[in-house]
């Protein structure tokens, strides 16, 4: 009976510890997915390649919300990074819309620029900072008439 109780206790302890290990692995994988996608987006923006940006942004919402946990606000801003930079590259024939895109470039850049170190996602913070800077560069190029 005593051995049985010890086995039950060990089983319960393992059940409590193992989900934590699995969750840590899932978070690490989620952050790795986020970082890889963010790198692709950064490269496309930095190179000014609209087609590559469209490709890198396809499915970004699934990457951000489909990892099984909630990213911090600055990381979730990757969705808006795509929306705003794609709008900037594709342009608008409407002055009011163009001015809004320029304002959005600055505000989304500020939002993703609030990144902090994440233990499960080494490097994510640095990629977010690079995206923030390159978005301001895009704004400076595209929004000459709308500041």
N, C-alpha and C. Protein backbone atom coordinates (compact mmCIF):
# COMPACT_ATOMS: atom_id res chain seq x y z
N UNK A 1 0.82 -1.19 0.00
CA UNK A 1 0.00 0.00 0.00
C UNK A 1 0.87 1.26 0.00
N UNK A 2 1.97 1.18 0.74
CA UNK A 2 2.85 2.33 0.84
C UNK A 2 3.50 2.64 -0.51
N UNK A 3 3.91 1.60 -1.22
CA UNK A 3 4.52 1.78 -2.54
C UNK A 3 3.50 2.38 -3.50
N UNK A 4 2.29 1.89 -3.42
CA UNK A 4 1.23 2.41 -4.29
C UNK A 4 1.03 3.91 -4.06
N UNK A 5 0.99 4.34 -2.80
CA UNK A 5 0.83 5.76 -2.48
C UNK A 5 2.00 6.58 -3.02
N UNK A 6 3.20 6.03 -2.91
CA UNK A 6 4.38 6.73 -3.44
C UNK A 6 4.29 6.86 -4.96
N UNK A 7 3.84 5.81 -5.63
CA UNK A 7 3.69 5.87 -7.09
C UNK A 7 2.63 6.88 -7.51
N UNK A 8 1.55 6.92 -6.75
CA UNK A 8 0.48 7.88 -7.05
C UNK A 8 1.01 9.30 -6.85
N UNK A 9 1.74 9.53 -5.77
CA UNK A 9 2.31 10.85 -5.50
C UNK A 9 3.30 11.24 -6.60
N UNK A 10 4.13 10.29 -7.02
CA UNK A 10 5.09 10.57 -8.08
C UNK A 10 4.37 10.88 -9.39
N UNK A 11 3.32 10.14 -9.66
CA UNK A 11 2.54 10.40 -10.88
C UNK A 11 1.89 11.77 -10.87
N UNK A 12 1.34 12.15 -9.74
CA UNK A 12 0.74 13.47 -9.62
C UNK A 12 1.77 14.58 -9.75
N UNK A 13 2.93 14.37 -9.15
CA UNK A 13 4.00 15.37 -9.26
C UNK A 13 4.44 15.52 -10.73
N UNK A 14 4.57 14.40 -11.42
CA UNK A 14 4.95 14.46 -12.84
C UNK A 14 3.88 15.15 -13.66
N UNK A 15 2.63 14.90 -13.35
CA UNK A 15 1.54 15.54 -14.08
C UNK A 15 1.54 17.04 -13.88
N UNK A 16 1.98 17.47 -12.73
CA UNK A 16 2.04 18.91 -12.46
C UNK A 16 3.26 19.56 -13.10
N UNK A 17 4.37 18.85 -13.18
CA UNK A 17 5.61 19.41 -13.71
C UNK A 17 5.66 19.34 -15.23
N UNK A 18 5.26 18.24 -15.82
CA UNK A 18 5.39 18.06 -17.26
C UNK A 18 4.61 19.08 -18.10
N UNK A 19 3.40 19.48 -17.73
CA UNK A 19 2.74 20.51 -18.53
C UNK A 19 3.52 21.82 -18.55
N UNK A 20 4.21 22.12 -17.44
CA UNK A 20 5.05 23.32 -17.40
C UNK A 20 6.19 23.24 -18.39
N UNK A 21 6.78 22.05 -18.49
CA UNK A 21 7.86 21.83 -19.45
C UNK A 21 7.31 21.93 -20.88
N UNK A 22 6.17 21.32 -21.11
CA UNK A 22 5.55 21.38 -22.44
C UNK A 22 5.18 22.81 -22.80
N UNK A 23 4.66 23.55 -21.83
CA UNK A 23 4.28 24.95 -22.09
C UNK A 23 5.50 25.78 -22.42
N UNK A 24 6.62 25.53 -21.71
CA UNK A 24 7.84 26.27 -22.00
C UNK A 24 8.32 25.97 -23.41
N UNK A 25 8.24 24.69 -23.81
CA UNK A 25 8.64 24.30 -25.16
C UNK A 25 7.72 24.98 -26.18
N UNK A 26 6.42 24.98 -25.91
CA UNK A 26 5.48 25.61 -26.82
C UNK A 26 5.75 27.10 -26.95
N UNK A 27 6.04 27.76 -25.84
CA UNK A 27 6.35 29.20 -25.89
C UNK A 27 7.63 29.44 -26.68
N UNK A 28 8.63 28.62 -26.46
CA UNK A 28 9.89 28.77 -27.20
C UNK A 28 9.65 28.58 -28.70
N UNK A 29 8.85 27.58 -29.05
CA UNK A 29 8.53 27.35 -30.47
C UNK A 29 7.72 28.51 -31.03
N UNK A 30 6.76 29.01 -30.25
CA UNK A 30 5.95 30.14 -30.68
C UNK A 30 6.79 31.38 -30.93
N UNK A 31 7.70 31.65 -30.00
CA UNK A 31 8.58 32.80 -30.18
C UNK A 31 9.54 32.59 -31.36
N UNK A 32 9.98 31.38 -31.57
CA UNK A 32 10.85 31.10 -32.72
C UNK A 32 10.08 31.36 -34.02
N UNK A 33 8.82 30.94 -34.07
CA UNK A 33 7.98 31.21 -35.25
C UNK A 33 7.80 32.71 -35.45
N UNK A 34 7.53 33.43 -34.36
CA UNK A 34 7.33 34.88 -34.43
C UNK A 34 8.60 35.56 -34.93
N UNK A 35 9.73 35.17 -34.37
CA UNK A 35 11.01 35.79 -34.75
C UNK A 35 11.35 35.52 -36.21
N UNK A 36 11.13 34.30 -36.67
CA UNK A 36 11.41 33.98 -38.07
C UNK A 36 10.53 34.81 -39.00
N UNK A 37 9.25 34.92 -38.67
CA UNK A 37 8.34 35.72 -39.50
C UNK A 37 8.73 37.20 -39.46
N UNK A 38 9.06 37.69 -38.28
CA UNK A 38 9.45 39.10 -38.13
C UNK A 38 10.72 39.40 -38.92
N UNK A 39 11.66 38.48 -38.94
CA UNK A 39 12.90 38.65 -39.73
C UNK A 39 12.57 38.78 -41.21
N UNK A 40 11.66 37.92 -41.70
CA UNK A 40 11.27 37.99 -43.11
C UNK A 40 10.61 39.33 -43.43
N UNK A 41 9.76 39.78 -42.51
CA UNK A 41 9.07 41.06 -42.71
C UNK A 41 10.08 42.20 -42.69
N UNK A 42 11.00 42.17 -41.74
CA UNK A 42 12.03 43.21 -41.66
C UNK A 42 12.84 43.28 -42.95
N UNK A 43 13.29 42.13 -43.43
CA UNK A 43 14.10 42.09 -44.65
C UNK A 43 13.34 42.68 -45.83
N UNK A 44 12.09 42.33 -45.97
CA UNK A 44 11.27 42.85 -47.07
C UNK A 44 11.11 44.36 -46.98
N UNK A 45 10.85 44.85 -45.78
CA UNK A 45 10.69 46.30 -45.61
C UNK A 45 12.00 47.01 -45.88
N UNK A 46 13.08 46.50 -45.33
CA UNK A 46 14.39 47.13 -45.49
C UNK A 46 14.83 47.19 -46.95
N UNK A 47 14.47 46.15 -47.71
CA UNK A 47 14.84 46.11 -49.12
C UNK A 47 13.83 46.84 -50.00
N UNK A 48 12.72 47.26 -49.41
CA UNK A 48 11.70 47.96 -50.19
C UNK A 48 11.02 47.07 -51.21
N UNK A 49 10.97 45.79 -50.92
CA UNK A 49 10.42 44.81 -51.86
C UNK A 49 8.95 44.53 -51.51
N UNK A 50 8.05 45.18 -52.21
CA UNK A 50 6.63 45.08 -51.94
C UNK A 50 6.10 43.66 -52.10
N UNK A 51 6.53 42.97 -53.14
CA UNK A 51 6.06 41.60 -53.36
C UNK A 51 6.55 40.66 -52.25
N UNK A 52 7.79 40.84 -51.85
CA UNK A 52 8.34 40.02 -50.77
C UNK A 52 7.63 40.33 -49.45
N UNK A 53 7.29 41.60 -49.23
CA UNK A 53 6.55 41.99 -48.03
C UNK A 53 5.18 41.32 -48.02
N UNK A 54 4.50 41.35 -49.16
CA UNK A 54 3.19 40.69 -49.25
C UNK A 54 3.31 39.21 -48.91
N UNK A 55 4.35 38.57 -49.40
CA UNK A 55 4.56 37.15 -49.13
C UNK A 55 4.88 36.90 -47.65
N UNK A 56 5.75 37.74 -47.08
CA UNK A 56 6.13 37.58 -45.68
C UNK A 56 4.96 37.84 -44.74
N UNK A 57 4.06 38.72 -45.13
CA UNK A 57 2.93 39.08 -44.28
C UNK A 57 1.76 38.10 -44.41
N UNK A 58 1.75 37.31 -45.47
CA UNK A 58 0.66 36.36 -45.64
C UNK A 58 0.68 35.34 -44.49
N UNK A 59 -0.41 35.27 -43.74
CA UNK A 59 -0.50 34.35 -42.63
C UNK A 59 0.07 34.87 -41.32
N UNK A 60 0.44 36.16 -41.27
CA UNK A 60 1.04 36.69 -40.05
C UNK A 60 0.07 36.66 -38.88
N UNK A 61 -1.20 36.84 -39.12
CA UNK A 61 -2.18 36.80 -38.03
C UNK A 61 -2.19 35.42 -37.39
N UNK A 62 -2.13 34.38 -38.19
CA UNK A 62 -2.08 33.02 -37.65
C UNK A 62 -0.85 32.78 -36.82
N UNK A 63 0.28 33.34 -37.24
CA UNK A 63 1.51 33.18 -36.46
C UNK A 63 1.37 33.88 -35.11
N UNK A 64 0.77 35.06 -35.12
CA UNK A 64 0.67 35.84 -33.89
C UNK A 64 -0.38 35.29 -32.94
N UNK A 65 -1.52 34.85 -33.45
CA UNK A 65 -2.58 34.41 -32.53
C UNK A 65 -2.71 32.90 -32.42
N UNK A 66 -1.98 32.15 -33.23
CA UNK A 66 -2.17 30.71 -33.26
C UNK A 66 -1.10 29.90 -32.54
N UNK A 67 -0.39 30.49 -31.60
CA UNK A 67 0.70 29.77 -30.94
C UNK A 67 0.30 29.12 -29.62
N UNK A 68 -0.94 29.32 -29.19
CA UNK A 68 -1.39 28.70 -27.96
C UNK A 68 -1.15 29.53 -26.72
N UNK A 69 -0.64 30.72 -26.88
CA UNK A 69 -0.47 31.65 -25.77
C UNK A 69 -0.55 33.06 -26.35
N UNK A 70 -0.69 34.04 -25.49
CA UNK A 70 -0.84 35.42 -25.96
C UNK A 70 0.50 36.15 -25.90
N UNK A 71 0.90 36.66 -27.05
CA UNK A 71 2.11 37.48 -27.11
C UNK A 71 1.85 38.82 -26.43
N UNK A 72 2.90 39.50 -25.97
CA UNK A 72 2.71 40.84 -25.45
C UNK A 72 2.26 41.79 -26.56
N UNK A 73 1.73 42.93 -26.18
CA UNK A 73 1.18 43.88 -27.15
C UNK A 73 2.16 44.28 -28.24
N UNK A 74 3.41 44.50 -27.88
CA UNK A 74 4.38 44.91 -28.89
C UNK A 74 4.59 43.82 -29.94
N UNK A 75 4.52 42.56 -29.53
CA UNK A 75 4.70 41.46 -30.49
C UNK A 75 3.45 41.28 -31.34
N UNK A 76 2.27 41.50 -30.75
CA UNK A 76 1.02 41.42 -31.53
C UNK A 76 0.96 42.53 -32.58
N UNK A 77 1.72 43.60 -32.37
CA UNK A 77 1.74 44.71 -33.33
C UNK A 77 2.32 44.30 -34.68
N UNK A 78 2.91 43.12 -34.76
CA UNK A 78 3.44 42.65 -36.04
C UNK A 78 2.35 42.60 -37.11
N UNK A 79 1.13 42.33 -36.70
CA UNK A 79 0.00 42.33 -37.63
C UNK A 79 -0.19 43.73 -38.23
N UNK A 80 -0.17 44.74 -37.37
CA UNK A 80 -0.33 46.12 -37.85
C UNK A 80 0.87 46.58 -38.66
N UNK A 81 2.05 46.06 -38.33
CA UNK A 81 3.25 46.38 -39.12
C UNK A 81 2.99 46.00 -40.57
N UNK A 82 2.46 44.81 -40.77
CA UNK A 82 2.16 44.35 -42.13
C UNK A 82 1.11 45.23 -42.80
N UNK A 83 0.02 45.47 -42.09
CA UNK A 83 -1.07 46.25 -42.66
C UNK A 83 -0.61 47.64 -43.09
N UNK A 84 0.12 48.30 -42.22
CA UNK A 84 0.52 49.68 -42.48
C UNK A 84 1.63 49.78 -43.53
N UNK A 85 2.63 48.91 -43.45
CA UNK A 85 3.71 49.00 -44.43
C UNK A 85 3.23 48.57 -45.81
N UNK A 86 2.35 47.59 -45.88
CA UNK A 86 1.79 47.23 -47.18
C UNK A 86 1.00 48.40 -47.76
N UNK A 87 0.22 49.07 -46.94
CA UNK A 87 -0.53 50.24 -47.41
C UNK A 87 0.42 51.33 -47.87
N UNK A 88 1.52 51.52 -47.17
CA UNK A 88 2.49 52.54 -47.56
C UNK A 88 3.13 52.21 -48.91
N UNK A 89 3.48 50.95 -49.11
CA UNK A 89 4.11 50.56 -50.37
C UNK A 89 3.15 50.56 -51.54
N UNK A 90 1.89 50.21 -51.28
CA UNK A 90 0.92 50.17 -52.37
C UNK A 90 0.33 51.55 -52.65
N UNK A 91 0.47 52.45 -51.70
CA UNK A 91 0.04 53.83 -51.90
C UNK A 91 -1.47 54.00 -51.88
N UNK A 92 -1.84 55.26 -51.93
CA UNK A 92 -3.25 55.61 -51.95
C UNK A 92 -3.42 56.87 -52.78
N UNK A 93 -4.45 56.89 -53.56
CA UNK A 93 -4.74 58.08 -54.36
C UNK A 93 -5.47 59.15 -53.57
N UNK A 94 -5.80 58.83 -52.34
CA UNK A 94 -6.56 59.74 -51.49
C UNK A 94 -5.62 60.40 -50.48
N UNK A 95 -5.58 61.73 -50.47
CA UNK A 95 -4.68 62.44 -49.57
C UNK A 95 -4.98 62.16 -48.10
N UNK A 96 -6.24 62.10 -47.75
CA UNK A 96 -6.60 61.85 -46.36
C UNK A 96 -6.11 60.46 -45.94
N UNK A 97 -6.31 59.47 -46.78
CA UNK A 97 -5.85 58.11 -46.49
C UNK A 97 -4.33 58.06 -46.41
N UNK A 98 -3.65 58.77 -47.31
CA UNK A 98 -2.19 58.79 -47.29
C UNK A 98 -1.67 59.39 -45.99
N UNK A 99 -2.31 60.45 -45.54
CA UNK A 99 -1.89 61.07 -44.28
C UNK A 99 -2.12 60.11 -43.11
N UNK A 100 -3.22 59.36 -43.14
CA UNK A 100 -3.50 58.38 -42.09
C UNK A 100 -2.45 57.27 -42.09
N UNK A 101 -2.06 56.82 -43.26
CA UNK A 101 -1.02 55.79 -43.36
C UNK A 101 0.28 56.31 -42.74
N UNK A 102 0.62 57.55 -43.02
CA UNK A 102 1.85 58.13 -42.47
C UNK A 102 1.78 58.21 -40.94
N UNK A 103 0.64 58.61 -40.42
CA UNK A 103 0.47 58.64 -38.96
C UNK A 103 0.54 57.24 -38.37
N UNK A 104 -0.06 56.28 -39.06
CA UNK A 104 -0.04 54.90 -38.58
C UNK A 104 1.37 54.31 -38.60
N UNK A 105 2.17 54.66 -39.60
CA UNK A 105 3.56 54.19 -39.62
C UNK A 105 4.29 54.60 -38.35
N UNK A 106 4.09 55.84 -37.94
CA UNK A 106 4.76 56.33 -36.73
C UNK A 106 4.21 55.64 -35.48
N UNK A 107 2.89 55.51 -35.38
CA UNK A 107 2.32 54.94 -34.15
C UNK A 107 2.61 53.44 -34.02
N UNK A 108 2.54 52.71 -35.12
CA UNK A 108 2.84 51.27 -35.05
C UNK A 108 4.33 51.05 -34.79
N UNK A 109 5.16 51.89 -35.37
CA UNK A 109 6.59 51.82 -35.11
C UNK A 109 6.87 52.02 -33.62
N UNK A 110 6.18 52.96 -33.03
CA UNK A 110 6.33 53.23 -31.60
C UNK A 110 5.86 52.02 -30.78
N UNK A 111 4.75 51.42 -31.20
CA UNK A 111 4.19 50.28 -30.47
C UNK A 111 5.13 49.08 -30.49
N UNK A 112 5.64 48.70 -31.66
CA UNK A 112 6.54 47.54 -31.72
C UNK A 112 7.90 47.89 -31.13
N UNK A 113 8.23 49.18 -31.12
CA UNK A 113 9.48 49.63 -30.52
C UNK A 113 9.51 49.53 -29.01
N UNK A 114 8.37 49.25 -28.38
CA UNK A 114 8.31 49.08 -26.93
C UNK A 114 8.71 47.67 -26.51
N UNK A 115 9.36 46.96 -27.37
CA UNK A 115 9.71 45.57 -27.10
C UNK A 115 10.65 45.45 -25.91
N UNK A 116 10.56 44.31 -25.26
CA UNK A 116 11.43 43.98 -24.13
C UNK A 116 11.97 42.57 -24.33
N UNK A 117 13.03 42.27 -23.61
CA UNK A 117 13.62 40.94 -23.68
C UNK A 117 12.60 39.88 -23.26
N UNK A 118 12.61 38.77 -23.96
CA UNK A 118 11.71 37.66 -23.64
C UNK A 118 12.58 36.41 -23.47
N UNK A 119 12.54 35.79 -22.28
CA UNK A 119 13.39 34.62 -22.05
C UNK A 119 13.16 33.49 -23.06
N UNK A 120 11.89 33.27 -23.43
CA UNK A 120 11.59 32.18 -24.37
C UNK A 120 11.90 32.55 -25.82
N UNK A 121 12.10 33.84 -26.08
CA UNK A 121 12.32 34.29 -27.45
C UNK A 121 13.56 35.14 -27.59
N UNK A 122 14.73 34.55 -27.42
CA UNK A 122 15.94 35.36 -27.58
C UNK A 122 16.04 35.89 -29.01
N UNK A 123 16.29 37.15 -29.13
CA UNK A 123 16.41 37.77 -30.45
C UNK A 123 15.15 38.46 -30.91
N UNK A 124 13.99 38.11 -30.37
CA UNK A 124 12.74 38.74 -30.80
C UNK A 124 12.76 40.23 -30.53
N UNK A 125 13.27 40.62 -29.40
CA UNK A 125 13.35 42.02 -29.01
C UNK A 125 14.16 42.83 -30.02
N UNK A 126 15.28 42.27 -30.44
CA UNK A 126 16.16 42.98 -31.38
C UNK A 126 15.51 43.12 -32.75
N UNK A 127 14.83 42.09 -33.19
CA UNK A 127 14.13 42.15 -34.49
C UNK A 127 13.03 43.21 -34.43
N UNK A 128 12.30 43.26 -33.32
CA UNK A 128 11.24 44.27 -33.17
C UNK A 128 11.83 45.67 -33.22
N UNK A 129 12.98 45.87 -32.61
CA UNK A 129 13.62 47.19 -32.64
C UNK A 129 14.05 47.56 -34.06
N UNK A 130 14.56 46.58 -34.80
CA UNK A 130 14.95 46.84 -36.19
C UNK A 130 13.74 47.20 -37.03
N UNK A 131 12.63 46.52 -36.81
CA UNK A 131 11.40 46.82 -37.55
C UNK A 131 10.95 48.24 -37.22
N UNK A 132 11.00 48.61 -35.97
CA UNK A 132 10.59 49.95 -35.55
C UNK A 132 11.40 51.01 -36.29
N UNK A 133 12.70 50.83 -36.34
CA UNK A 133 13.57 51.81 -37.01
C UNK A 133 13.32 51.88 -38.51
N UNK A 134 13.15 50.72 -39.14
CA UNK A 134 12.96 50.72 -40.59
C UNK A 134 11.60 51.31 -40.96
N UNK A 135 10.61 51.17 -40.08
CA UNK A 135 9.30 51.78 -40.35
C UNK A 135 9.41 53.31 -40.36
N UNK A 136 10.23 53.85 -39.48
CA UNK A 136 10.43 55.31 -39.48
C UNK A 136 11.16 55.73 -40.75
N UNK A 137 12.09 54.93 -41.22
CA UNK A 137 12.76 55.22 -42.48
C UNK A 137 11.78 55.22 -43.64
N UNK A 138 10.87 54.25 -43.65
CA UNK A 138 9.83 54.20 -44.69
C UNK A 138 8.97 55.44 -44.62
N UNK A 139 8.56 55.80 -43.41
CA UNK A 139 7.74 57.01 -43.24
C UNK A 139 8.47 58.24 -43.76
N UNK A 140 9.76 58.35 -43.48
CA UNK A 140 10.55 59.50 -43.92
C UNK A 140 10.64 59.56 -45.45
N UNK A 141 10.63 58.42 -46.11
CA UNK A 141 10.70 58.37 -47.56
C UNK A 141 9.34 58.60 -48.23
N UNK A 142 8.32 57.96 -47.68
CA UNK A 142 7.00 57.94 -48.33
C UNK A 142 6.16 59.15 -47.96
N UNK A 143 6.38 59.69 -46.80
CA UNK A 143 5.46 60.69 -46.25
C UNK A 143 6.00 62.12 -46.28
N UNK A 144 6.77 62.43 -47.25
CA UNK A 144 7.37 63.77 -47.33
C UNK A 144 6.28 64.84 -47.34
N UNK A 145 5.20 64.63 -48.02
CA UNK A 145 4.14 65.64 -48.15
C UNK A 145 3.07 65.56 -47.07
N UNK A 146 3.17 64.60 -46.16
CA UNK A 146 2.08 64.39 -45.22
C UNK A 146 2.52 64.44 -43.76
N UNK A 147 3.48 65.27 -43.44
CA UNK A 147 3.88 65.40 -42.04
C UNK A 147 3.50 66.73 -41.50
